[in-house]
Amino acid sequence: MTHLLRRMLSVIMAILLLSWAPAGVSAAEQASWTVVLRPTDFVVGDALGQLQTHRQWITGFDERSGVFEIALRRKAIAISAPHCRMDYLILTIPVYYPENPKQASVRERRVVYDALVALKAKGKGSATVAVEAPGPLARPGKRGIELLACNLYFAFPISVQVSTQ
């Protein structure tokens, strides 16, 4: 029940941010990046619950919706987020809606989650991940596009490539 409430709260917060945020990035300036993550650059799974933040993290993979989160160390990622007041950016995979053609199935999401967990456990290698911020969550800033909050989303079609070297 608590997990369901947290997920609902996350969805409501995303909707509010999308509704109330100031003018965002234009379609010509899509807020998207490709980032390379090494095992020390992110936190995933149960370890999310041990982060010293004021946020309730989703600490696992939701088998029904395909939702999971990853905490990205801000110092390891070259994405400006001047309004984010914690040491991590929140990388989320949005809720799976079968009606939306720009999706990844729950099975595809699980493969990505498992690959990131394995990379973290192995302690070596890297993952190249396509991420984005919907228009209202990003804007042009002094050094290019910047986030208005701490939130990033996996870009669809989902693109994660893991290297063991």
C-alpha atoms as a PDB file:
ATOM      1  CA  MET A   1       0.000   0.000   0.000  1.00  0.00           C
ATOM      2  CA  THR A   2       2.810   2.418   0.882  1.00  0.00           C
ATOM      3  CA  HIS A   3       4.528   1.659  -2.433  1.00  0.00           C
ATOM      4  CA  LEU A   4       1.297   2.413  -4.302  1.00  0.00           C
ATOM      5  CA  LEU A   5       0.885   5.721  -2.450  1.00  0.00           C
ATOM      6  CA  ARG A   6       4.491   6.706  -3.202  1.00  0.00           C
ATOM      7  CA  ARG A   7       4.008   5.892  -6.878  1.00  0.00           C
ATOM      8  CA  MET A   8       0.772   7.878  -6.994  1.00  0.00           C
ATOM      9  CA  LEU A   9       2.499  10.817  -5.300  1.00  0.00           C
ATOM     10  CA  SER A  10       5.322  10.673  -7.872  1.00  0.00           C
ATOM     11  CA  VAL A  11       2.812  10.747 -10.728  1.00  0.00           C
ATOM     12  CA  ILE A  12       0.903  13.654  -9.163  1.00  0.00           C
ATOM     13  CA  MET A  13       4.137  15.611  -8.621  1.00  0.00           C
ATOM     14  CA  ALA A  14       5.184  15.050 -12.239  1.00  0.00           C
ATOM     15  CA  ILE A  15       1.787  16.253 -13.458  1.00  0.00           C
ATOM     16  CA  LEU A  16       1.999  19.342 -11.249  1.00  0.00           C
ATOM     17  CA  LEU A  17       5.504  20.143 -12.487  1.00  0.00           C
ATOM     18  CA  LEU A  18       4.387  19.730 -16.076  1.00  0.00           C
ATOM     19  CA  SER A  19       1.363  21.984 -15.449  1.00  0.00           C
ATOM     20  CA  TRP A  20       2.960  24.792 -13.463  1.00  0.00           C
ATOM     21  CA  ALA A  21       6.528  25.046 -14.682  1.00  0.00           C
ATOM     22  CA  PRO A  22       7.580  28.203 -16.513  1.00  0.00           C
ATOM     23  CA  ALA A  23       8.064  28.209 -20.265  1.00  0.00           C
ATOM     24  CA  GLY A  24      10.241  25.273 -21.150  1.00  0.00           C
ATOM     25  CA  VAL A  25      12.487  24.192 -23.942  1.00  0.00           C
ATOM     26  CA  SER A  26      11.080  24.534 -27.442  1.00  0.00           C
ATOM     27  CA  ALA A  27      10.641  21.537 -29.707  1.00  0.00           C
ATOM     28  CA  ALA A  28      13.717  22.716 -31.628  1.00  0.00           C
ATOM     29  CA  GLU A  29      15.755  22.486 -28.411  1.00  0.00           C
ATOM     30  CA  GLN A  30      14.726  19.040 -27.193  1.00  0.00           C
ATOM     31  CA  ALA A  31      16.100  18.518 -23.696  1.00  0.00           C
ATOM     32  CA  SER A  32      17.850  15.219 -24.256  1.00  0.00           C
ATOM     33  CA  TRP A  33      21.262  13.859 -23.474  1.00  0.00           C
ATOM     34  CA  THR A  34      23.270  10.682 -23.826  1.00  0.00           C
ATOM     35  CA  VAL A  35      25.140   9.908 -20.618  1.00  0.00           C
ATOM     36  CA  VAL A  36      27.753   7.297 -19.820  1.00  0.00           C
ATOM     37  CA  LEU A  37      27.307   5.798 -16.370  1.00  0.00           C
ATOM     38  CA  ARG A  38      29.984   3.941 -14.467  1.00  0.00           C
ATOM     39  CA  PRO A  39      29.115   1.896 -11.359  1.00  0.00           C
ATOM     40  CA  THR A  40      30.196   4.729  -9.035  1.00  0.00           C
ATOM     41  CA  ASP A  41      27.982   7.261 -10.883  1.00  0.00           C
ATOM     42  CA  PHE A  42      24.617   5.891  -9.793  1.00  0.00           C
ATOM     43  CA  VAL A  43      22.637   4.157  -7.063  1.00  0.00           C
ATOM     44  CA  VAL A  44      19.977   1.568  -7.863  1.00  0.00           C
ATOM     45  CA  GLY A  45      17.813  -0.960  -6.034  1.00  0.00           C
ATOM     46  CA  ASP A  46      17.740  -1.354  -2.255  1.00  0.00           C
ATOM     47  CA  ALA A  47      20.707   1.005  -1.820  1.00  0.00           C
ATOM     48  CA  LEU A  48      18.395   3.893  -2.802  1.00  0.00           C
ATOM     49  CA  GLY A  49      16.631   3.512   0.545  1.00  0.00           C
ATOM     50  CA  GLN A  50      19.908   4.262   2.326  1.00  0.00           C
ATOM     51  CA  LEU A  51      20.642   7.566   0.622  1.00  0.00           C
ATOM     52  CA  GLN A  52      20.698  10.530   2.956  1.00  0.00           C
ATOM     53  CA  THR A  53      18.088  12.583   1.097  1.00  0.00           C
ATOM     54  CA  HIS A  54      14.639  13.819   2.069  1.00  0.00           C
ATOM     55  CA  ARG A  55      13.104  11.818  -0.757  1.00  0.00           C
ATOM     56  CA  GLN A  56      11.265   8.510  -0.760  1.00  0.00           C
ATOM     57  CA  TRP A  57      12.954   6.536  -3.532  1.00  0.00           C
ATOM     58  CA  ILE A  58      11.417   3.660  -5.461  1.00  0.00           C
ATOM     59  CA  THR A  59      13.889   0.997  -4.352  1.00  0.00           C
ATOM     60  CA  GLY A  60      13.054  -1.819  -6.740  1.00  0.00           C
ATOM     61  CA  PHE A  61      11.360  -2.738  -9.975  1.00  0.00           C
ATOM     62  CA  ASP A  62       7.555  -2.603 -10.080  1.00  0.00           C
ATOM     63  CA  GLU A  63       6.512  -5.723 -12.010  1.00  0.00           C
ATOM     64  CA  ARG A  64       3.062  -4.346 -12.880  1.00  0.00           C
ATOM     65  CA  SER A  65       3.931  -0.869 -14.132  1.00  0.00           C
ATOM     66  CA  GLY A  66       7.573  -1.325 -15.108  1.00  0.00           C
ATOM     67  CA  VAL A  67       8.580   1.716 -13.041  1.00  0.00           C
ATOM     68  CA  PHE A  68      11.978   2.079 -11.378  1.00  0.00           C
ATOM     69  CA  GLU A  69      14.314   4.882 -10.357  1.00  0.00           C
ATOM     70  CA  ILE A  70      18.028   5.471 -10.317  1.00  0.00           C
ATOM     71  CA  ALA A  71      19.897   8.164  -8.387  1.00  0.00           C
ATOM     72  CA  LEU A  72      22.550   9.773 -10.599  1.00  0.00           C
ATOM     73  CA  ARG A  73      25.398  11.538  -8.824  1.00  0.00           C
ATOM     74  CA  ARG A  74      25.217  15.135 -10.048  1.00  0.00           C
ATOM     75  CA  LYS A  75      29.007  15.491 -10.059  1.00  0.00           C
ATOM     76  CA  ALA A  76      29.272  12.564 -12.494  1.00  0.00           C
ATOM     77  CA  ILE A  77      26.699  13.876 -14.986  1.00  0.00           C
ATOM     78  CA  ALA A  78      27.267  16.933 -17.188  1.00  0.00           C
ATOM     79  CA  ILE A  79      23.669  18.141 -16.990  1.00  0.00           C
ATOM     80  CA  SER A  80      23.040  21.500 -15.369  1.00  0.00           C
ATOM     81  CA  ALA A  81      20.392  21.449 -12.633  1.00  0.00           C
ATOM     82  CA  PRO A  82      20.869  24.671 -10.635  1.00  0.00           C
ATOM     83  CA  HIS A  83      17.516  24.344  -8.845  1.00  0.00           C
ATOM     84  CA  CYS A  84      18.118  20.786  -7.638  1.00  0.00           C
ATOM     85  CA  ARG A  85      18.990  20.893  -3.939  1.00  0.00           C
ATOM     86  CA  MET A  86      20.367  17.393  -3.510  1.00  0.00           C
ATOM     87  CA  ASP A  87      23.491  15.578  -4.688  1.00  0.00           C
ATOM     88  CA  TYR A  88      21.543  13.326  -7.053  1.00  0.00           C
ATOM     89  CA  LEU A  89      19.421  13.608 -10.152  1.00  0.00           C
ATOM     90  CA  ILE A  90      16.392  11.318 -10.264  1.00  0.00           C
ATOM     91  CA  LEU A  91      16.337   9.119 -13.365  1.00  0.00           C
ATOM     92  CA  THR A  92      12.909   7.521 -13.699  1.00  0.00           C
ATOM     93  CA  ILE A  93      11.301   5.309 -16.265  1.00  0.00           C
ATOM     94  CA  PRO A  94       7.700   6.519 -16.683  1.00  0.00           C
ATOM     95  CA  VAL A  95       4.678   4.329 -15.983  1.00  0.00           C
ATOM     96  CA  TYR A  96       3.932   1.875 -18.782  1.00  0.00           C
ATOM     97  CA  TYR A  97       0.736   2.625 -20.696  1.00  0.00           C
ATOM     98  CA  PRO A  98       0.121   0.026 -23.443  1.00  0.00           C
ATOM     99  CA  GLU A  99      -1.902   2.576 -25.445  1.00  0.00           C
ATOM    100  CA  ASN A 100       1.091   4.880 -25.921  1.00  0.00           C
ATOM    101  CA  PRO A 101       3.172   3.862 -28.967  1.00  0.00           C
ATOM    102  CA  LYS A 102       6.292   5.622 -27.607  1.00  0.00           C
ATOM    103  CA  GLN A 103       6.910   3.010 -24.937  1.00  0.00           C
ATOM    104  CA  ALA A 104       8.957   0.079 -23.797  1.00  0.00           C
ATOM    105  CA  SER A 105       7.234  -3.057 -22.581  1.00  0.00           C
ATOM    106  CA  VAL A 106       7.519  -4.104 -18.956  1.00  0.00           C
ATOM    107  CA  ARG A 107       9.833  -6.914 -20.129  1.00  0.00           C
ATOM    108  CA  GLU A 108      12.129  -4.437 -21.941  1.00  0.00           C
ATOM    109  CA  ARG A 109      12.185  -2.226 -18.860  1.00  0.00           C
ATOM    110  CA  ARG A 110      13.079  -5.201 -16.683  1.00  0.00           C
ATOM    111  CA  VAL A 111      16.034  -6.021 -18.943  1.00  0.00           C
ATOM    112  CA  VAL A 112      17.330  -2.448 -18.532  1.00  0.00           C
ATOM    113  CA  TYR A 113      16.850  -2.517 -14.756  1.00  0.00           C
ATOM    114  CA  ASP A 114      18.592  -5.888 -14.406  1.00  0.00           C
ATOM    115  CA  ALA A 115      21.498  -4.721 -16.595  1.00  0.00           C
ATOM    116  CA  LEU A 116      22.023  -1.629 -14.419  1.00  0.00           C
ATOM    117  CA  VAL A 117      21.802  -3.670 -11.197  1.00  0.00           C
ATOM    118  CA  ALA A 118      24.338  -6.158 -12.613  1.00  0.00           C
ATOM    119  CA  LEU A 119      26.670  -3.344 -13.701  1.00  0.00           C
ATOM    120  CA  LYS A 120      26.527  -1.829 -10.221  1.00  0.00           C
ATOM    121  CA  ALA A 121      27.142  -5.208  -8.552  1.00  0.00           C
ATOM    122  CA  LYS A 122      30.055  -6.041 -10.861  1.00  0.00           C
ATOM    123  CA  GLY A 123      31.696  -2.694 -10.120  1.00  0.00           C
ATOM    124  CA  LYS A 124      33.242  -2.234 -13.557  1.00  0.00           C
ATOM    125  CA  GLY A 125      32.098  -1.355 -17.038  1.00  0.00           C
ATOM    126  CA  SER A 126      29.694   1.337 -18.183  1.00  0.00           C
ATOM    127  CA  ALA A 127      26.210   1.928 -19.528  1.00  0.00           C
ATOM    128  CA  THR A 128      25.336   4.467 -22.196  1.00  0.00           C
ATOM    129  CA  VAL A 129      21.838   5.783 -21.546  1.00  0.00           C
ATOM    130  CA  ALA A 130      19.597   8.180 -23.494  1.00  0.00           C
ATOM    131  CA  VAL A 131      17.750  10.524 -21.099  1.00  0.00           C
ATOM    132  CA  GLU A 132      15.419  13.474 -21.508  1.00  0.00           C
ATOM    133  CA  ALA A 133      13.453  16.096 -19.629  1.00  0.00           C
ATOM    134  CA  PRO A 134       9.984  17.019 -20.917  1.00  0.00           C
ATOM    135  CA  GLY A 135       9.766  20.644 -22.092  1.00  0.00           C
ATOM    136  CA  PRO A 136       8.323  22.126 -18.892  1.00  0.00           C
ATOM    137  CA  LEU A 137      11.104  20.512 -16.801  1.00  0.00           C
ATOM    138  CA  ALA A 138      13.956  22.173 -18.722  1.00  0.00           C
ATOM    139  CA  ARG A 139      14.828  25.562 -20.157  1.00  0.00           C
ATOM    140  CA  PRO A 140      17.665  27.314 -21.931  1.00  0.00           C
ATOM    141  CA  GLY A 141      20.212  28.498 -19.365  1.00  0.00           C
ATOM    142  CA  LYS A 142      23.599  30.186 -19.227  1.00  0.00           C
ATOM    143  CA  ARG A 143      25.449  26.990 -20.168  1.00  0.00           C
ATOM    144  CA  GLY A 144      22.891  25.375 -22.457  1.00  0.00           C
ATOM    145  CA  ILE A 145      19.741  23.541 -21.483  1.00  0.00           C
ATOM    146  CA  GLU A 146      19.260  23.196 -17.718  1.00  0.00           C
ATOM    147  CA  LEU A 147      16.834  21.266 -15.572  1.00  0.00           C
ATOM    148  CA  LEU A 148      14.271  23.134 -13.467  1.00  0.00           C
ATOM    149  CA  ALA A 149      14.186  20.307 -10.918  1.00  0.00           C
ATOM    150  CA  CYS A 150      16.115  17.086 -10.214  1.00  0.00           C
ATOM    151  CA  ASN A 151      14.114  14.935 -12.627  1.00  0.00           C
ATOM    152  CA  LEU A 152      15.219  13.098 -15.756  1.00  0.00           C
ATOM    153  CA  TYR A 153      13.479  10.318 -17.650  1.00  0.00           C
ATOM    154  CA  PHE A 154      14.685   7.451 -19.801  1.00  0.00           C
ATOM    155  CA  ALA A 155      14.173   8.452 -23.440  1.00  0.00           C
ATOM    156  CA  PHE A 156      11.987   6.264 -25.659  1.00  0.00           C
ATOM    157  CA  PRO A 157      12.582   4.212 -27.601  1.00  0.00           C
ATOM    158  CA  ILE A 158      14.637   2.975 -24.689  1.00  0.00           C
ATOM    159  CA  SER A 159      18.350   2.979 -25.407  1.00  0.00           C
ATOM    160  CA  VAL A 160      20.769   1.517 -22.879  1.00  0.00           C
ATOM    161  CA  GLN A 161      24.006  -0.108 -23.978  1.00  0.00           C
ATOM    162  CA  VAL A 162      26.166  -1.862 -21.391  1.00  0.00           C
ATOM    163  CA  SER A 163      29.894  -2.422 -21.811  1.00  0.00           C
ATOM    164  CA  THR A 164      31.837  -4.704 -19.469  1.00  0.00           C
ATOM    165  CA  GLN A 165      35.117  -2.855 -20.020  1.00  0.00           C
END
